[in-house]
Amino acid sequence: MANSKSAEKRIRQAEKRRASNRFHRSRMRTAVRQLRQLIDAGQGEEARAALSSTLGLVAATARKGVIHRNAAARTQSRLTRAVNKLG
């Protein structure tokens, strides 16, 4: 339990930040999962169409500090390589 006004405020701020981070991380993971499903199904055209929006979501999540920028770059690289491999 918080013992001071500033500690109570920090708890409130942390809750807001946690909710925001969870929203952005979940949104990104859903987009990545959907793109991977398209790749696994071999749907090249649909995967190419979904790639740019997914890469944008991953980059935005990294910009907000929810995930590390190197993790975002690694994810983007792997997704791009997988889509390019479809032909």
PDB file of N, CA and C in Angstrom:
ATOM      1  N   MET A   1       0.840  -1.192   0.000  1.00  0.00           N
ATOM      2  CA  MET A   1       0.000   0.000   0.000  1.00  0.00           C
ATOM      3  C   MET A   1       0.878   1.246   0.000  1.00  0.00           C
ATOM      4  N   ALA A   2       0.463   2.244  -0.750  1.00  0.00           N
ATOM      5  CA  ALA A   2       1.232   3.477  -0.853  1.00  0.00           C
ATOM      6  C   ALA A   2       1.152   4.271   0.443  1.00  0.00           C
ATOM      7  N   ASN A   3       2.287   4.854   0.798  1.00  0.00           N
ATOM      8  CA  ASN A   3       2.353   5.620   2.050  1.00  0.00           C
ATOM      9  C   ASN A   3       2.371   7.118   1.832  1.00  0.00           C
ATOM     10  N   SER A   4       2.420   7.568   0.601  1.00  0.00           N
ATOM     11  CA  SER A   4       2.480   9.009   0.352  1.00  0.00           C
ATOM     12  C   SER A   4       1.678   9.350  -0.898  1.00  0.00           C
ATOM     13  N   LYS A   5       1.398  10.636  -1.035  1.00  0.00           N
ATOM     14  CA  LYS A   5       0.644  11.110  -2.208  1.00  0.00           C
ATOM     15  C   LYS A   5       1.403  10.796  -3.495  1.00  0.00           C
ATOM     16  N   SER A   6       2.718  10.999  -3.471  1.00  0.00           N
ATOM     17  CA  SER A   6       3.498  10.772  -4.689  1.00  0.00           C
ATOM     18  C   SER A   6       3.509   9.285  -5.054  1.00  0.00           C
ATOM     19  N   ALA A   7       3.543   8.415  -4.044  1.00  0.00           N
ATOM     20  CA  ALA A   7       3.507   6.972  -4.318  1.00  0.00           C
ATOM     21  C   ALA A   7       2.157   6.574  -4.908  1.00  0.00           C
ATOM     22  N   GLU A   8       1.081   7.174  -4.411  1.00  0.00           N
ATOM     23  CA  GLU A   8      -0.259   6.898  -4.958  1.00  0.00           C
ATOM     24  C   GLU A   8      -0.335   7.335  -6.415  1.00  0.00           C
ATOM     25  N   LYS A   9       0.261   8.499  -6.709  1.00  0.00           N
ATOM     26  CA  LYS A   9       0.252   8.998  -8.084  1.00  0.00           C
ATOM     27  C   LYS A   9       1.060   8.075  -8.996  1.00  0.00           C
ATOM     28  N   ARG A  10       2.206   7.604  -8.499  1.00  0.00           N
ATOM     29  CA  ARG A  10       3.021   6.707  -9.303  1.00  0.00           C
ATOM     30  C   ARG A  10       2.273   5.410  -9.607  1.00  0.00           C
ATOM     31  N   ILE A  11       1.501   4.934  -8.654  1.00  0.00           N
ATOM     32  CA  ILE A  11       0.699   3.727  -8.874  1.00  0.00           C
ATOM     33  C   ILE A  11      -0.329   3.973  -9.969  1.00  0.00           C
ATOM     34  N   ARG A  12      -0.987   5.137  -9.921  1.00  0.00           N
ATOM     35  CA  ARG A  12      -1.972   5.473 -10.953  1.00  0.00           C
ATOM     36  C   ARG A  12      -1.302   5.567 -12.326  1.00  0.00           C
ATOM     37  N   GLN A  13      -0.150   6.211 -12.384  1.00  0.00           N
ATOM     38  CA  GLN A  13       0.558   6.363 -13.651  1.00  0.00           C
ATOM     39  C   GLN A  13       1.003   5.006 -14.205  1.00  0.00           C
ATOM     40  N   ALA A  14       1.487   4.169 -13.310  1.00  0.00           N
ATOM     41  CA  ALA A  14       1.954   2.849 -13.740  1.00  0.00           C
ATOM     42  C   ALA A  14       0.800   2.023 -14.301  1.00  0.00           C
ATOM     43  N   GLU A  15      -0.366   2.121 -13.690  1.00  0.00           N
ATOM     44  CA  GLU A  15      -1.544   1.388 -14.183  1.00  0.00           C
ATOM     45  C   GLU A  15      -1.931   1.843 -15.586  1.00  0.00           C
ATOM     46  N   LYS A  16      -1.940   3.156 -15.807  1.00  0.00           N
ATOM     47  CA  LYS A  16      -2.264   3.700 -17.131  1.00  0.00           C
ATOM     48  C   LYS A  16      -1.245   3.225 -18.165  1.00  0.00           C
ATOM     49  N   ARG A  17       0.029   3.299 -17.797  1.00  0.00           N
ATOM     50  CA  ARG A  17       1.089   2.895 -18.718  1.00  0.00           C
ATOM     51  C   ARG A  17       0.988   1.411 -19.039  1.00  0.00           C
ATOM     52  N   ARG A  18       0.715   0.607 -18.014  1.00  0.00           N
ATOM     53  CA  ARG A  18       0.595  -0.838 -18.208  1.00  0.00           C
ATOM     54  C   ARG A  18      -0.552  -1.164 -19.159  1.00  0.00           C
ATOM     55  N   ALA A  19      -1.682  -0.483 -18.979  1.00  0.00           N
ATOM     56  CA  ALA A  19      -2.834  -0.728 -19.853  1.00  0.00           C
ATOM     57  C   ALA A  19      -2.507  -0.348 -21.297  1.00  0.00           C
ATOM     58  N   SER A  20      -1.834   0.781 -21.469  1.00  0.00           N
ATOM     59  CA  SER A  20      -1.463   1.228 -22.808  1.00  0.00           C
ATOM     60  C   SER A  20      -0.476   0.262 -23.448  1.00  0.00           C
ATOM     61  N   ASN A  21       0.539  -0.151 -22.684  1.00  0.00           N
ATOM     62  CA  ASN A  21       1.543  -1.083 -23.208  1.00  0.00           C
ATOM     63  C   ASN A  21       0.907  -2.408 -23.599  1.00  0.00           C
ATOM     64  N   ARG A  22      -0.006  -2.910 -22.763  1.00  0.00           N
ATOM     65  CA  ARG A  22      -0.682  -4.178 -23.061  1.00  0.00           C
ATOM     66  C   ARG A  22      -1.486  -4.066 -24.349  1.00  0.00           C
ATOM     67  N   PHE A  23      -2.173  -2.931 -24.531  1.00  0.00           N
ATOM     68  CA  PHE A  23      -2.969  -2.725 -25.741  1.00  0.00           C
ATOM     69  C   PHE A  23      -2.086  -2.765 -26.982  1.00  0.00           C
ATOM     70  N   HIS A  24      -0.994  -2.002 -26.965  1.00  0.00           N
ATOM     71  CA  HIS A  24      -0.129  -1.925 -28.141  1.00  0.00           C
ATOM     72  C   HIS A  24       0.578  -3.251 -28.407  1.00  0.00           C
ATOM     73  N   ARG A  25       1.053  -3.921 -27.352  1.00  0.00           N
ATOM     74  CA  ARG A  25       1.728  -5.206 -27.529  1.00  0.00           C
ATOM     75  C   ARG A  25       0.759  -6.250 -28.091  1.00  0.00           C
ATOM     76  N   SER A  26      -0.463  -6.263 -27.565  1.00  0.00           N
ATOM     77  CA  SER A  26      -1.463  -7.233 -28.016  1.00  0.00           C
ATOM     78  C   SER A  26      -1.831  -6.988 -29.478  1.00  0.00           C
ATOM     79  N   ARG A  27      -2.008  -5.723 -29.833  1.00  0.00           N
ATOM     80  CA  ARG A  27      -2.359  -5.368 -31.208  1.00  0.00           C
ATOM     81  C   ARG A  27      -1.258  -5.804 -32.177  1.00  0.00           C
ATOM     82  N   MET A  28      -0.008  -5.573 -31.786  1.00  0.00           N
ATOM     83  CA  MET A  28       1.120  -5.961 -32.621  1.00  0.00           C
ATOM     84  C   MET A  28       1.199  -7.484 -32.756  1.00  0.00           C
ATOM     85  N   ARG A  29       1.065  -8.197 -31.640  1.00  0.00           N
ATOM     86  CA  ARG A  29       1.161  -9.655 -31.677  1.00  0.00           C
ATOM     87  C   ARG A  29       0.060 -10.267 -32.532  1.00  0.00           C
ATOM     88  N   THR A  30      -1.138  -9.691 -32.473  1.00  0.00           N
ATOM     89  CA  THR A  30      -2.240 -10.188 -33.288  1.00  0.00           C
ATOM     90  C   THR A  30      -1.921 -10.020 -34.769  1.00  0.00           C
ATOM     91  N   ALA A  31      -1.406  -8.850 -35.142  1.00  0.00           N
ATOM     92  CA  ALA A  31      -1.070  -8.594 -36.544  1.00  0.00           C
ATOM     93  C   ALA A  31       0.029  -9.541 -37.018  1.00  0.00           C
ATOM     94  N   VAL A  32       1.041  -9.761 -36.183  1.00  0.00           N
ATOM     95  CA  VAL A  32       2.139 -10.658 -36.541  1.00  0.00           C
ATOM     96  C   VAL A  32       1.615 -12.087 -36.685  1.00  0.00           C
ATOM     97  N   ARG A  33       0.752 -12.503 -35.759  1.00  0.00           N
ATOM     98  CA  ARG A  33       0.192 -13.858 -35.811  1.00  0.00           C
ATOM     99  C   ARG A  33      -0.619 -14.054 -37.095  1.00  0.00           C
ATOM    100  N   GLN A  34      -1.436 -13.058 -37.460  1.00  0.00           N
ATOM    101  CA  GLN A  34      -2.252 -13.168 -38.670  1.00  0.00           C
ATOM    102  C   GLN A  34      -1.373 -13.238 -39.919  1.00  0.00           C
ATOM    103  N   LEU A  35      -0.301 -12.442 -39.941  1.00  0.00           N
ATOM    104  CA  LEU A  35       0.611 -12.474 -41.084  1.00  0.00           C
ATOM    105  C   LEU A  35       1.300 -13.831 -41.175  1.00  0.00           C
ATOM    106  N   ARG A  36       1.724 -14.380 -40.043  1.00  0.00           N
ATOM    107  CA  ARG A  36       2.376 -15.695 -40.053  1.00  0.00           C
ATOM    108  C   ARG A  36       1.424 -16.787 -40.521  1.00  0.00           C
ATOM    109  N   GLN A  37       0.148 -16.655 -40.193  1.00  0.00           N
ATOM    110  CA  GLN A  37      -0.838 -17.629 -40.668  1.00  0.00           C
ATOM    111  C   GLN A  37      -0.958 -17.568 -42.186  1.00  0.00           C
ATOM    112  N   LEU A  38      -0.947 -16.351 -42.733  1.00  0.00           N
ATOM    113  CA  LEU A  38      -0.992 -16.198 -44.189  1.00  0.00           C
ATOM    114  C   LEU A  38       0.251 -16.814 -44.840  1.00  0.00           C
ATOM    115  N   ILE A  39       1.399 -16.588 -44.218  1.00  0.00           N
ATOM    116  CA  ILE A  39       2.653 -17.135 -44.751  1.00  0.00           C
ATOM    117  C   ILE A  39       2.611 -18.659 -44.719  1.00  0.00           C
ATOM    118  N   ASP A  40       2.176 -19.222 -43.593  1.00  0.00           N
ATOM    119  CA  ASP A  40       2.120 -20.684 -43.456  1.00  0.00           C
ATOM    120  C   ASP A  40       1.136 -21.304 -44.446  1.00  0.00           C
ATOM    121  N   ALA A  41       0.069 -20.564 -44.761  1.00  0.00           N
ATOM    122  CA  ALA A  41      -0.923 -21.070 -45.716  1.00  0.00           C
ATOM    123  C   ALA A  41      -0.456 -20.892 -47.160  1.00  0.00           C
ATOM    124  N   GLY A  42       0.645 -20.172 -47.351  1.00  0.00           N
ATOM    125  CA  GLY A  42       1.179 -19.975 -48.692  1.00  0.00           C
ATOM    126  C   GLY A  42       0.428 -18.947 -49.510  1.00  0.00           C
ATOM    127  N   GLN A  43      -0.290 -18.055 -48.846  1.00  0.00           N
ATOM    128  CA  GLN A  43      -1.056 -17.017 -49.542  1.00  0.00           C
ATOM    129  C   GLN A  43      -0.170 -15.789 -49.748  1.00  0.00           C
ATOM    130  N   GLY A  44       0.584 -15.804 -50.840  1.00  0.00           N
ATOM    131  CA  GLY A  44       1.580 -14.776 -51.091  1.00  0.00           C
ATOM    132  C   GLY A  44       1.017 -13.382 -51.271  1.00  0.00           C
ATOM    133  N   GLU A  45      -0.022 -13.259 -52.082  1.00  0.00           N
ATOM    134  CA  GLU A  45      -0.591 -11.932 -52.356  1.00  0.00           C
ATOM    135  C   GLU A  45      -1.159 -11.295 -51.081  1.00  0.00           C
ATOM    136  N   GLU A  46      -1.919 -12.070 -50.328  1.00  0.00           N
ATOM    137  CA  GLU A  46      -2.513 -11.551 -49.094  1.00  0.00           C
ATOM    138  C   GLU A  46      -1.417 -11.211 -48.084  1.00  0.00           C
ATOM    139  N   ALA A  47      -0.376 -12.042 -48.027  1.00  0.00           N
ATOM    140  CA  ALA A  47       0.730 -11.796 -47.093  1.00  0.00           C
ATOM    141  C   ALA A  47       1.464 -10.511 -47.453  1.00  0.00           C
ATOM    142  N   ARG A  48       1.696 -10.311 -48.755  1.00  0.00           N
ATOM    143  CA  ARG A  48       2.357  -9.074 -49.186  1.00  0.00           C
ATOM    144  C   ARG A  48       1.523  -7.845 -48.850  1.00  0.00           C
ATOM    145  N   ALA A  49       0.210  -7.973 -49.000  1.00  0.00           N
ATOM    146  CA  ALA A  49      -0.669  -6.839 -48.675  1.00  0.00           C
ATOM    147  C   ALA A  49      -0.658  -6.541 -47.182  1.00  0.00           C
ATOM    148  N   ALA A  50      -0.585  -7.574 -46.355  1.00  0.00           N
ATOM    149  CA  ALA A  50      -0.622  -7.384 -44.903  1.00  0.00           C
ATOM    150  C   ALA A  50       0.742  -7.002 -44.335  1.00  0.00           C
ATOM    151  N   LEU A  51       1.796  -7.223 -45.109  1.00  0.00           N
ATOM    152  CA  LEU A  51       3.151  -7.012 -44.594  1.00  0.00           C
ATOM    153  C   LEU A  51       3.401  -5.563 -44.184  1.00  0.00           C
ATOM    154  N   SER A  52       3.062  -4.610 -45.037  1.00  0.00           N
ATOM    155  CA  SER A  52       3.411  -3.216 -44.735  1.00  0.00           C
ATOM    156  C   SER A  52       2.692  -2.697 -43.492  1.00  0.00           C
ATOM    157  N   SER A  53       1.418  -3.060 -43.342  1.00  0.00           N
ATOM    158  CA  SER A  53       0.703  -2.582 -42.152  1.00  0.00           C
ATOM    159  C   SER A  53       1.258  -3.249 -40.894  1.00  0.00           C
ATOM    160  N   THR A  54       1.645  -4.514 -41.007  1.00  0.00           N
ATOM    161  CA  THR A  54       2.213  -5.215 -39.851  1.00  0.00           C
ATOM    162  C   THR A  54       3.565  -4.622 -39.476  1.00  0.00           C
ATOM    163  N   LEU A  55       4.395  -4.342 -40.471  1.00  0.00           N
ATOM    164  CA  LEU A  55       5.696  -3.736 -40.188  1.00  0.00           C
ATOM    165  C   LEU A  55       5.529  -2.363 -39.542  1.00  0.00           C
ATOM    166  N   GLY A  56       4.522  -1.619 -39.988  1.00  0.00           N
ATOM    167  CA  GLY A  56       4.246  -0.323 -39.381  1.00  0.00           C
ATOM    168  C   GLY A  56       3.835  -0.442 -37.924  1.00  0.00           C
ATOM    169  N   LEU A  57       3.017  -1.440 -37.621  1.00  0.00           N
ATOM    170  CA  LEU A  57       2.598  -1.660 -36.233  1.00  0.00           C
ATOM    171  C   LEU A  57       3.783  -2.041 -35.351  1.00  0.00           C
ATOM    172  N   VAL A  58       4.658  -2.887 -35.875  1.00  0.00           N
ATOM    173  CA  VAL A  58       5.837  -3.300 -35.108  1.00  0.00           C
ATOM    174  C   VAL A  58       6.730  -2.085 -34.839  1.00  0.00           C
ATOM    175  N   ALA A  59       6.935  -1.258 -35.856  1.00  0.00           N
ATOM    176  CA  ALA A  59       7.772  -0.064 -35.695  1.00  0.00           C
ATOM    177  C   ALA A  59       7.149   0.916 -34.702  1.00  0.00           C
ATOM    178  N   ALA A  60       5.846   1.094 -34.783  1.00  0.00           N
ATOM    179  CA  ALA A  60       5.166   2.016 -33.863  1.00  0.00           C
ATOM    180  C   ALA A  60       5.254   1.522 -32.423  1.00  0.00           C
ATOM    181  N   THR A  61       5.153   0.214 -32.244  1.00  0.00           N
ATOM    182  CA  THR A  61       5.255  -0.357 -30.901  1.00  0.00           C
ATOM    183  C   THR A  61       6.647  -0.114 -30.327  1.00  0.00           C
ATOM    184  N   ALA A  62       7.665  -0.226 -31.163  1.00  0.00           N
ATOM    185  CA  ALA A  62       9.031   0.041 -30.712  1.00  0.00           C
ATOM    186  C   ALA A  62       9.226   1.526 -30.413  1.00  0.00           C
ATOM    187  N   ARG A  63       8.656   2.394 -31.250  1.00  0.00           N
ATOM    188  CA  ARG A  63       8.779   3.838 -31.021  1.00  0.00           C
ATOM    189  C   ARG A  63       8.182   4.257 -29.685  1.00  0.00           C
ATOM    190  N   LYS A  64       7.104   3.593 -29.288  1.00  0.00           N
ATOM    191  CA  LYS A  64       6.453   3.905 -28.020  1.00  0.00           C
ATOM    192  C   LYS A  64       7.214   3.333 -26.828  1.00  0.00           C
ATOM    193  N   GLY A  65       8.231   2.512 -27.106  1.00  0.00           N
ATOM    194  CA  GLY A  65       9.029   1.947 -26.024  1.00  0.00           C
ATOM    195  C   GLY A  65       8.436   0.698 -25.407  1.00  0.00           C
ATOM    196  N   VAL A  66       7.434   0.121 -26.068  1.00  0.00           N
ATOM    197  CA  VAL A  66       6.795  -1.081 -25.536  1.00  0.00           C
ATOM    198  C   VAL A  66       7.694  -2.288 -25.742  1.00  0.00           C
ATOM    199  N   ILE A  67       8.349  -2.351 -26.924  1.00  0.00           N
ATOM    200  CA  ILE A  67       9.330  -3.400 -27.174  1.00  0.00           C
ATOM    201  C   ILE A  67      10.642  -2.725 -27.551  1.00  0.00           C
ATOM    202  N   HIS A  68      11.728  -3.463 -27.423  1.00  0.00           N
ATOM    203  CA  HIS A  68      13.048  -2.919 -27.748  1.00  0.00           C
ATOM    204  C   HIS A  68      13.184  -2.753 -29.259  1.00  0.00           C
ATOM    205  N   ARG A  69      13.928  -1.752 -29.667  1.00  0.00           N
ATOM    206  CA  ARG A  69      14.046  -1.467 -31.104  1.00  0.00           C
ATOM    207  C   ARG A  69      14.737  -2.599 -31.852  1.00  0.00           C
ATOM    208  N   ASN A  70      15.672  -3.283 -31.207  1.00  0.00           N
ATOM    209  CA  ASN A  70      16.328  -4.413 -31.876  1.00  0.00           C
ATOM    210  C   ASN A  70      15.368  -5.582 -32.036  1.00  0.00           C
ATOM    211  N   ALA A  71      14.492  -5.780 -31.067  1.00  0.00           N
ATOM    212  CA  ALA A  71      13.483  -6.840 -31.178  1.00  0.00           C
ATOM    213  C   ALA A  71      12.534  -6.529 -32.327  1.00  0.00           C
ATOM    214  N   ALA A  72      12.194  -5.246 -32.476  1.00  0.00           N
ATOM    215  CA  ALA A  72      11.324  -4.836 -33.582  1.00  0.00           C
ATOM    216  C   ALA A  72      12.015  -5.065 -34.925  1.00  0.00           C
ATOM    217  N   ALA A  73      13.288  -4.699 -35.015  1.00  0.00           N
ATOM    218  CA  ALA A  73      14.037  -4.876 -36.263  1.00  0.00           C
ATOM    219  C   ALA A  73      14.141  -6.355 -36.616  1.00  0.00           C
ATOM    220  N   ARG A  74      14.392  -7.186 -35.609  1.00  0.00           N
ATOM    221  CA  ARG A  74      14.505  -8.628 -35.834  1.00  0.00           C
ATOM    222  C   ARG A  74      13.178  -9.202 -36.342  1.00  0.00           C
ATOM    223  N   THR A  75      12.075  -8.778 -35.722  1.00  0.00           N
ATOM    224  CA  THR A  75      10.749  -9.250 -36.133  1.00  0.00           C
ATOM    225  C   THR A  75      10.444  -8.816 -37.566  1.00  0.00           C
ATOM    226  N   GLN A  76      10.717  -7.545 -37.868  1.00  0.00           N
ATOM    227  CA  GLN A  76      10.460  -7.038 -39.211  1.00  0.00           C
ATOM    228  C   GLN A  76      11.293  -7.792 -40.248  1.00  0.00           C
ATOM    229  N   SER A  77      12.545  -8.045 -39.924  1.00  0.00           N
ATOM    230  CA  SER A  77      13.432  -8.743 -40.854  1.00  0.00           C
ATOM    231  C   SER A  77      12.928 -10.154 -41.125  1.00  0.00           C
ATOM    232  N   ARG A  78      12.559 -10.861 -40.078  1.00  0.00           N
ATOM    233  CA  ARG A  78      12.112 -12.244 -40.255  1.00  0.00           C
ATOM    234  C   ARG A  78      10.813 -12.329 -41.039  1.00  0.00           C
ATOM    235  N   LEU A  79       9.897 -11.398 -40.767  1.00  0.00           N
ATOM    236  CA  LEU A  79       8.629 -11.403 -41.494  1.00  0.00           C
ATOM    237  C   LEU A  79       8.852 -11.092 -42.973  1.00  0.00           C
ATOM    238  N   THR A  80       9.695 -10.091 -43.242  1.00  0.00           N
ATOM    239  CA  THR A  80       9.972  -9.702 -44.626  1.00  0.00           C
ATOM    240  C   THR A  80      10.627 -10.854 -45.393  1.00  0.00           C
ATOM    241  N   ARG A  81      11.601 -11.512 -44.747  1.00  0.00           N
ATOM    242  CA  ARG A  81      12.262 -12.647 -45.401  1.00  0.00           C
ATOM    243  C   ARG A  81      11.270 -13.781 -45.684  1.00  0.00           C
ATOM    244  N   ALA A  82      10.376 -14.025 -44.753  1.00  0.00           N
ATOM    245  CA  ALA A  82       9.401 -15.106 -44.924  1.00  0.00           C
ATOM    246  C   ALA A  82       8.444 -14.799 -46.079  1.00  0.00           C
ATOM    247  N   VAL A  83       8.018 -13.534 -46.177  1.00  0.00           N
ATOM    248  CA  VAL A  83       7.094 -13.153 -47.262  1.00  0.00           C
ATOM    249  C   VAL A  83       7.833 -13.210 -48.603  1.00  0.00           C
ATOM    250  N   ASN A  84       9.068 -12.741 -48.627  1.00  0.00           N
ATOM    251  CA  ASN A  84       9.847 -12.761 -49.880  1.00  0.00           C
ATOM    252  C   ASN A  84      10.108 -14.187 -50.345  1.00  0.00           C
ATOM    253  N   LYS A  85      10.238 -15.103 -49.415  1.00  0.00           N
ATOM    254  CA  LYS A  85      10.512 -16.501 -49.745  1.00  0.00           C
ATOM    255  C   LYS A  85       9.321 -17.152 -50.453  1.00  0.00           C
ATOM    256  N   LEU A  86       8.117 -16.582 -50.254  1.00  0.00           N
ATOM    257  CA  LEU A  86       6.927 -17.148 -50.898  1.00  0.00           C
ATOM    258  C   LEU A  86       6.989 -17.013 -52.416  1.00  0.00           C
ATOM    259  N   GLY A  87       7.784 -16.041 -52.872  1.00  0.00           N
ATOM    260  CA  GLY A  87       7.946 -15.921 -54.323  1.00  0.00           C
ATOM    261  C   GLY A  87       7.211 -14.791 -54.955  1.00  0.00           C
TER     262      GLY A  87
END
